[in-house]
Amino acid sequence: MKKAIRITVSILAWIMLIFALLITLVVFSAEKNNGVSNIFGYMPMTVESDSMSPTFKKGDLILVKEISDVNSLKVDDVITFWTIIDGKRVKNTHRIVEVKDNDGVRSYVTRGDNNSADDDIPVSTGDIIGKWTKMRMPGFGKVLDFLRTKKGFFICIIIPMAIFFLFELYKFIATLIEVKKPETEEIDEEEIKRRAIEEYLAEQKKNGGDAAAAAGNAAEAVQDKAAEAVEKAADTVKEKVSETAEKTAETVKEAVTETAAKAEETAQAAAETVENAAAETAEKIEEAAPADEAANNDQEK
């Protein structure tokens, strides 16, 4: 964690240093080039008015590039050039609306996108500073103007650079102290680490053995409980089967007894019916016998 923090702080310090060097280069190059900063052919410019709004606005930072052949400029290009405004020679950035050619001498009529009329003075090729690269940073022009002041340069450039060098000095001293430490301290530290690792592994091994024993005891307890549960279940099943068999036997016995009683009653009823029928038949036979005898006597006469 400490190493990561050190690396992060070091990276931030280098970024601050690079930024400070760039701003320093911009400021000093502007002083040597009539107020125009030039870094490898590119010039950062602060927009001073809203004459080109909404393309870019006052306070924006735009990037202008030097032109090797000014005759290649055409209508609709946006250029930065020197001009006279209110009796002062100042920089201006407007769009080309017309290209004039008088006997091989070119000049350019310009106009701001937010203006209704062309600029009063055509731009000659010698007054052209560069062509807008269409790159802008909204509001950053004010920051650049502040950095160009003595106060801004001191706060944003001198102080960060001083902090950077102090930080690097601290790193250098810390490295020297680290190198001069006796080797015995390193050996002691390695020995302490080794012993700590051995103790940790032994503790883990011991904890692992205790855990294995506990697991074995738990398994035996589970087996005992399972055996008891099986025995109880078997006894319960036997009891249920015995009760069911007894109930079934009683039910069958009662059904047989009831059926026998009903059969006996049916037999008695049938016997009585047969006896009654026989008696009636005998009576009818006795009544028919005298009539047959009388008929036979009449035939004989």
Foldseek 3Di string as FASTA:
>chain_A
DVVVVVVVVLVVLVVLQVVLVVLVQQLVCCVVPVNWGADPFKTKDAACAQLQPPLAGHQKIFIFGADPDPVPDDFQWWFWFWDADPNDTDIDIFGFHDWDADPNFIWTWTGHPNDPDIDPDTHGPVGTGGTTPSDMGHNCSVVSVQCSDPVNVCVRHVVSVVVSVVVVVVVVVVVVVVVPDDVVVVVVVVVVVVVVVVVVVVVVVVVVVVVVVVVVVVVVVVVVVVVVVVVVVVVVVVVVVVVVVVVVVVVVVVVVVVVVVVVVVVVVVVVVVVVVVVVVVVVVVVVCVVVVVVVVVVVVD
